[in-house]
Amino acid sequence: MSPTASVFQERLISLLAEQIAVEPAGLRPDQTFRELDVDSLAMVELVVAVENDLGLELPSDVEGIDADTTLAQAALALEALARSAADDKAAHAGG
């Protein structure tokens, strides 16, 4: 079973806060990466941090996540990727 979007959102905010050196309480789910001045390099670093933290393998350019994506939308996209990966893994294990 994959973590829920709220878990992804919580971890994403925590990891991003650490990366951009702000308190997690200072970040809101409705903020975009652009509003937070997160550039493309920082986005890639964040993807790697999420992979390491949640034990996922994600593409470096996660579809559905860009500068104008809110943190809540990013969490939903990550949850969908994790669910897809878990389904693929289960399908390969069963066959």
C-alpha atoms as a PDB file:
ATOM      1  CA  MET A   1       0.000   0.000   0.000  1.00  0.00           C
ATOM      2  CA  SER A   2       1.393   3.402  -0.945  1.00  0.00           C
ATOM      3  CA  PRO A   3       1.418   6.449   1.320  1.00  0.00           C
ATOM      4  CA  THR A   4      -1.525   8.834   0.962  1.00  0.00           C
ATOM      5  CA  ALA A   5      -1.414  12.282  -0.648  1.00  0.00           C
ATOM      6  CA  SER A   6      -1.430  13.876   2.810  1.00  0.00           C
ATOM      7  CA  VAL A   7       1.686  11.892   3.723  1.00  0.00           C
ATOM      8  CA  PHE A   8       3.322  12.961   0.466  1.00  0.00           C
ATOM      9  CA  GLN A   9       2.302  16.570   1.091  1.00  0.00           C
ATOM     10  CA  GLU A  10       3.688  16.522   4.634  1.00  0.00           C
ATOM     11  CA  ARG A  11       6.988  14.968   3.545  1.00  0.00           C
ATOM     12  CA  LEU A  12       7.252  17.183   0.458  1.00  0.00           C
ATOM     13  CA  ILE A  13       6.790  20.316   2.568  1.00  0.00           C
ATOM     14  CA  SER A  14       9.283  19.072   5.141  1.00  0.00           C
ATOM     15  CA  LEU A  15      11.915  18.196   2.523  1.00  0.00           C
ATOM     16  CA  LEU A  16      11.371  21.425   0.597  1.00  0.00           C
ATOM     17  CA  ALA A  17      11.575  23.501   3.773  1.00  0.00           C
ATOM     18  CA  GLU A  18      14.905  21.883   4.574  1.00  0.00           C
ATOM     19  CA  GLN A  19      16.129  22.456   1.032  1.00  0.00           C
ATOM     20  CA  ILE A  20      15.214  26.152   0.876  1.00  0.00           C
ATOM     21  CA  ALA A  21      16.041  26.798   4.551  1.00  0.00           C
ATOM     22  CA  VAL A  22      12.627  27.838   5.850  1.00  0.00           C
ATOM     23  CA  GLU A  23      10.396  26.489   8.596  1.00  0.00           C
ATOM     24  CA  PRO A  24       7.848  23.934   7.329  1.00  0.00           C
ATOM     25  CA  ALA A  25       5.104  25.978   9.009  1.00  0.00           C
ATOM     26  CA  GLY A  26       5.993  28.808   6.621  1.00  0.00           C
ATOM     27  CA  LEU A  27       4.973  26.747   3.584  1.00  0.00           C
ATOM     28  CA  ARG A  28       1.376  26.310   2.452  1.00  0.00           C
ATOM     29  CA  PRO A  29      -0.064  23.602   0.181  1.00  0.00           C
ATOM     30  CA  ASP A  30      -1.488  26.286  -2.145  1.00  0.00           C
ATOM     31  CA  GLN A  31       1.929  27.828  -2.856  1.00  0.00           C
ATOM     32  CA  THR A  32       3.581  27.110  -6.192  1.00  0.00           C
ATOM     33  CA  PHE A  33       7.213  26.249  -6.665  1.00  0.00           C
ATOM     34  CA  ARG A  34       7.569  29.528  -8.598  1.00  0.00           C
ATOM     35  CA  GLU A  35       6.214  31.512  -5.633  1.00  0.00           C
ATOM     36  CA  LEU A  36       8.851  29.832  -3.492  1.00  0.00           C
ATOM     37  CA  ASP A  37      11.633  30.619  -6.006  1.00  0.00           C
ATOM     38  CA  VAL A  38      12.374  26.925  -6.536  1.00  0.00           C
ATOM     39  CA  ASP A  39      14.352  26.642  -9.780  1.00  0.00           C
ATOM     40  CA  SER A  40      14.731  23.602 -12.033  1.00  0.00           C
ATOM     41  CA  LEU A  41      17.895  22.379 -10.298  1.00  0.00           C
ATOM     42  CA  ALA A  42      16.211  22.619  -6.918  1.00  0.00           C
ATOM     43  CA  MET A  43      13.233  20.691  -8.350  1.00  0.00           C
ATOM     44  CA  VAL A  44      15.525  17.845  -9.433  1.00  0.00           C
ATOM     45  CA  GLU A  45      17.188  17.855  -6.019  1.00  0.00           C
ATOM     46  CA  LEU A  46      13.765  17.740  -4.392  1.00  0.00           C
ATOM     47  CA  VAL A  47      12.764  14.733  -6.525  1.00  0.00           C
ATOM     48  CA  VAL A  48      15.932  12.932  -5.392  1.00  0.00           C
ATOM     49  CA  ALA A  49      15.204  13.817  -1.753  1.00  0.00           C
ATOM     50  CA  VAL A  50      11.640  12.491  -2.105  1.00  0.00           C
ATOM     51  CA  GLU A  51      12.946   9.285  -3.708  1.00  0.00           C
ATOM     52  CA  ASN A  52      15.385   8.735  -0.871  1.00  0.00           C
ATOM     53  CA  ASP A  53      12.895   9.642   1.845  1.00  0.00           C
ATOM     54  CA  LEU A  54       9.975   7.577   0.558  1.00  0.00           C
ATOM     55  CA  GLY A  55      11.899   4.793  -1.164  1.00  0.00           C
ATOM     56  CA  LEU A  56      10.533   5.560  -4.624  1.00  0.00           C
ATOM     57  CA  GLU A  57      12.104   5.639  -8.065  1.00  0.00           C
ATOM     58  CA  LEU A  58      10.877   8.726  -9.894  1.00  0.00           C
ATOM     59  CA  PRO A  59      11.797  10.235 -13.253  1.00  0.00           C
ATOM     60  CA  SER A  60      13.952  13.371 -12.928  1.00  0.00           C
ATOM     61  CA  ASP A  61      11.258  15.307 -14.802  1.00  0.00           C
ATOM     62  CA  VAL A  62       8.067  14.264 -13.038  1.00  0.00           C
ATOM     63  CA  GLU A  63       5.095  14.716 -15.358  1.00  0.00           C
ATOM     64  CA  GLY A  64       2.516  17.079 -13.911  1.00  0.00           C
ATOM     65  CA  ILE A  65       4.980  18.955 -11.727  1.00  0.00           C
ATOM     66  CA  ASP A  66       6.481  22.242 -12.872  1.00  0.00           C
ATOM     67  CA  ALA A  67       7.126  25.738 -11.535  1.00  0.00           C
ATOM     68  CA  ASP A  68       3.409  26.594 -11.482  1.00  0.00           C
ATOM     69  CA  THR A  69       2.383  23.428  -9.618  1.00  0.00           C
ATOM     70  CA  THR A  70       1.202  23.887  -6.051  1.00  0.00           C
ATOM     71  CA  LEU A  71       2.668  21.771  -3.290  1.00  0.00           C
ATOM     72  CA  ALA A  72      -0.719  20.039  -2.920  1.00  0.00           C
ATOM     73  CA  GLN A  73      -0.830  19.231  -6.645  1.00  0.00           C
ATOM     74  CA  ALA A  74       2.734  17.916  -6.496  1.00  0.00           C
ATOM     75  CA  ALA A  75       1.792  15.644  -3.604  1.00  0.00           C
ATOM     76  CA  LEU A  76      -1.114  14.239  -5.621  1.00  0.00           C
ATOM     77  CA  ALA A  77       1.155  13.642  -8.637  1.00  0.00           C
ATOM     78  CA  LEU A  78       3.711  11.869  -6.434  1.00  0.00           C
ATOM     79  CA  GLU A  79       0.999   9.730  -4.876  1.00  0.00           C
ATOM     80  CA  ALA A  80      -0.218   8.704  -8.338  1.00  0.00           C
ATOM     81  CA  LEU A  81       3.330   7.778  -9.389  1.00  0.00           C
ATOM     82  CA  ALA A  82       3.854   5.772  -6.212  1.00  0.00           C
ATOM     83  CA  ARG A  83       0.543   3.958  -6.693  1.00  0.00           C
ATOM     84  CA  SER A  84       1.444   3.156 -10.300  1.00  0.00           C
ATOM     85  CA  ALA A  85       4.858   1.870  -9.271  1.00  0.00           C
ATOM     86  CA  ALA A  86       3.312  -0.280  -6.533  1.00  0.00           C
ATOM     87  CA  ASP A  87       0.771  -1.694  -8.998  1.00  0.00           C
ATOM     88  CA  ASP A  88       3.540  -2.490 -11.503  1.00  0.00           C
ATOM     89  CA  LYS A  89       5.613  -4.151  -8.815  1.00  0.00           C
ATOM     90  CA  ALA A  90       2.632  -6.242  -7.676  1.00  0.00           C
ATOM     91  CA  ALA A  91       1.848  -7.262 -11.256  1.00  0.00           C
ATOM     92  CA  HIS A  92       5.424  -8.397 -11.841  1.00  0.00           C
ATOM     93  CA  ALA A  93       5.565 -10.259  -8.533  1.00  0.00           C
ATOM     94  CA  GLY A  94       2.367 -12.131  -9.295  1.00  0.00           C
ATOM     95  CA  GLY A  95       3.289 -13.203 -12.796  1.00  0.00           C
END
